[in-house]
Amino acid sequence: MSRMSLRTRLGAVAAAGVMASGTGVLAAGSAQASDHTVAGCPSGYACIYPQDAVPVSPSLKWSRAGTYNLSGQYGWHWVLNNQTQNWKFKLCTGWNGTGNCTNMPVDQWVPVDLTPINSVVVSP
């Protein structure tokens, strides 16, 4: 799928979420109150969905603290941090949690180009 058609699809999903929530953010709910599975991502997990796909079932998910290197992840993916108890989920450009790292907000859908991302960090 081309990058433009994915952006169009991501935009349509985001627009639907904005209209439904009225907040301007596709939100899965409050992190403190969240105790449910969202699009196959269980409560307490950070999830990445398949490239160029509507988020139905994650292709990668983590619940334990640690640094995880990615392999073969390119292009646009939806990312959902469905963690609880203020745990953090970061995407990093370097291996082993190094390089430029970006914190993923809790309970928000974020479209991310994973091409420059080489690792993720899950931490309390």
Protein backbone atom coordinates (compact mmCIF):
# COMPACT_ATOMS: atom_id res chain seq x y z
CA MET A 1 0.00 0.00 0.00
CA SER A 2 1.37 3.42 -0.84
CA ARG A 3 2.23 5.91 1.87
CA MET A 4 -0.46 8.32 0.59
CA SER A 5 -3.26 5.75 0.74
CA LEU A 6 -2.20 4.73 4.26
CA ARG A 7 -2.27 8.37 5.37
CA THR A 8 -5.74 8.63 3.88
CA ARG A 9 -6.87 5.54 5.82
CA LEU A 10 -5.20 6.70 9.03
CA GLY A 11 -6.81 10.10 8.60
CA ALA A 12 -10.24 8.54 8.17
CA VAL A 13 -9.85 6.45 11.32
CA ALA A 14 -8.54 9.47 13.25
CA ALA A 15 -11.38 11.66 12.00
CA ALA A 16 -13.92 9.09 13.13
CA GLY A 17 -12.30 9.03 16.57
CA VAL A 18 -12.30 12.82 16.79
CA MET A 19 -15.97 12.99 15.88
CA ALA A 20 -16.82 10.23 18.34
CA SER A 21 -14.83 11.59 21.25
CA GLY A 22 -14.92 15.31 20.55
CA THR A 23 -11.41 15.62 22.00
CA GLY A 24 -9.23 15.70 18.89
CA VAL A 25 -7.47 12.51 20.06
CA LEU A 26 -8.34 8.91 19.41
CA ALA A 27 -8.50 7.83 23.02
CA ALA A 28 -8.95 4.37 24.45
CA GLY A 29 -10.00 5.73 27.83
CA SER A 30 -8.39 6.76 31.09
CA ALA A 31 -5.18 4.97 31.99
CA GLN A 32 -6.18 4.67 35.64
CA ALA A 33 -9.65 3.35 34.81
CA SER A 34 -8.51 1.24 31.84
CA ASP A 35 -8.85 -2.44 32.63
CA HIS A 36 -9.90 -3.80 29.27
CA THR A 37 -8.64 -5.05 25.95
CA VAL A 38 -8.66 -2.51 23.12
CA ALA A 39 -8.39 -3.83 19.54
CA GLY A 40 -6.66 -6.98 20.78
CA CYS A 41 -4.27 -5.06 23.07
CA PRO A 42 -4.84 -6.25 26.66
CA SER A 43 -4.84 -3.86 29.58
CA GLY A 44 -1.25 -3.48 30.84
CA TYR A 45 0.34 -3.93 27.40
CA ALA A 46 1.98 -1.71 24.78
CA CYS A 47 1.05 -2.80 21.26
CA ILE A 48 2.15 -2.25 17.67
CA TYR A 49 -0.20 -3.22 14.85
CA PRO A 50 0.71 -4.57 11.40
CA GLN A 51 1.94 -2.16 8.73
CA ASP A 52 -0.72 -0.30 6.75
CA ALA A 53 -3.54 -2.04 8.61
CA VAL A 54 -6.59 -0.96 10.51
CA PRO A 55 -5.86 -1.85 14.17
CA VAL A 56 -7.67 -5.10 14.90
CA SER A 57 -5.00 -7.38 16.33
CA PRO A 58 -1.46 -6.33 17.34
CA SER A 59 1.54 -7.90 15.63
CA LEU A 60 3.79 -7.04 18.60
CA LYS A 61 2.93 -6.52 22.27
CA TRP A 62 4.81 -6.17 25.54
CA SER A 63 3.78 -6.17 29.20
CA ARG A 64 7.07 -6.71 31.02
CA ALA A 65 9.68 -4.06 31.77
CA GLY A 66 12.63 -4.23 29.43
CA THR A 67 14.27 -3.07 26.23
CA TYR A 68 13.31 -4.89 23.05
CA ASN A 69 15.00 -4.60 19.66
CA LEU A 70 12.76 -4.55 16.59
CA SER A 71 13.43 -6.37 13.36
CA GLY A 72 11.74 -5.98 9.99
CA GLN A 73 9.39 -3.19 11.07
CA TYR A 74 9.01 -0.55 8.36
CA GLY A 75 6.42 1.94 7.23
CA TRP A 76 3.36 3.23 9.06
CA HIS A 77 1.88 1.35 12.01
CA TRP A 78 -0.65 2.18 14.69
CA VAL A 79 0.84 2.16 18.22
CA LEU A 80 -1.24 1.90 21.40
CA ASN A 81 0.13 2.21 24.93
CA ASN A 82 -2.64 0.43 26.87
CA GLN A 83 -0.55 0.21 30.04
CA THR A 84 -1.71 0.95 33.55
CA GLN A 85 -0.15 2.35 36.74
CA ASN A 86 1.73 5.08 34.81
CA TRP A 87 4.09 2.66 33.05
CA LYS A 88 6.01 4.16 30.15
CA PHE A 89 6.48 3.00 26.56
CA LYS A 90 9.17 4.58 24.37
CA LEU A 91 10.15 4.12 20.73
CA CYS A 92 13.89 4.60 20.09
CA THR A 93 15.93 5.10 16.93
CA GLY A 94 18.94 3.16 18.24
CA TRP A 95 19.37 -0.44 19.32
CA ASN A 96 18.92 -1.35 23.00
CA GLY A 97 16.92 1.78 23.86
CA THR A 98 19.52 4.27 22.61
CA GLY A 99 19.33 7.16 20.18
CA ASN A 100 16.38 9.52 20.05
CA CYS A 101 13.50 8.09 22.11
CA THR A 102 9.86 9.22 22.00
CA ASN A 103 7.39 8.57 24.83
CA MET A 104 4.09 7.12 23.65
CA PRO A 105 1.08 8.62 25.44
CA VAL A 106 -1.09 6.27 27.48
CA ASP A 107 -4.43 5.27 25.91
CA GLN A 108 -3.98 7.14 22.65
CA TRP A 109 -3.66 5.79 19.13
CA VAL A 110 -0.52 7.13 17.46
CA PRO A 111 0.37 6.51 13.78
CA VAL A 112 4.14 5.99 13.63
CA ASP A 113 6.59 5.43 10.77
CA LEU A 114 8.65 2.58 12.26
CA THR A 115 11.33 2.74 9.54
CA PRO A 116 13.77 4.68 11.77
CA ILE A 117 12.73 2.87 14.98
CA ASN A 118 15.04 0.08 16.13
CA SER A 119 13.95 -0.61 19.71
CA VAL A 120 11.25 -0.06 22.32
CA VAL A 121 11.50 0.43 26.08
CA VAL A 122 8.82 -0.61 28.59
CA SER A 123 9.34 0.71 32.11
CA PRO A 124 7.43 1.39 35.34
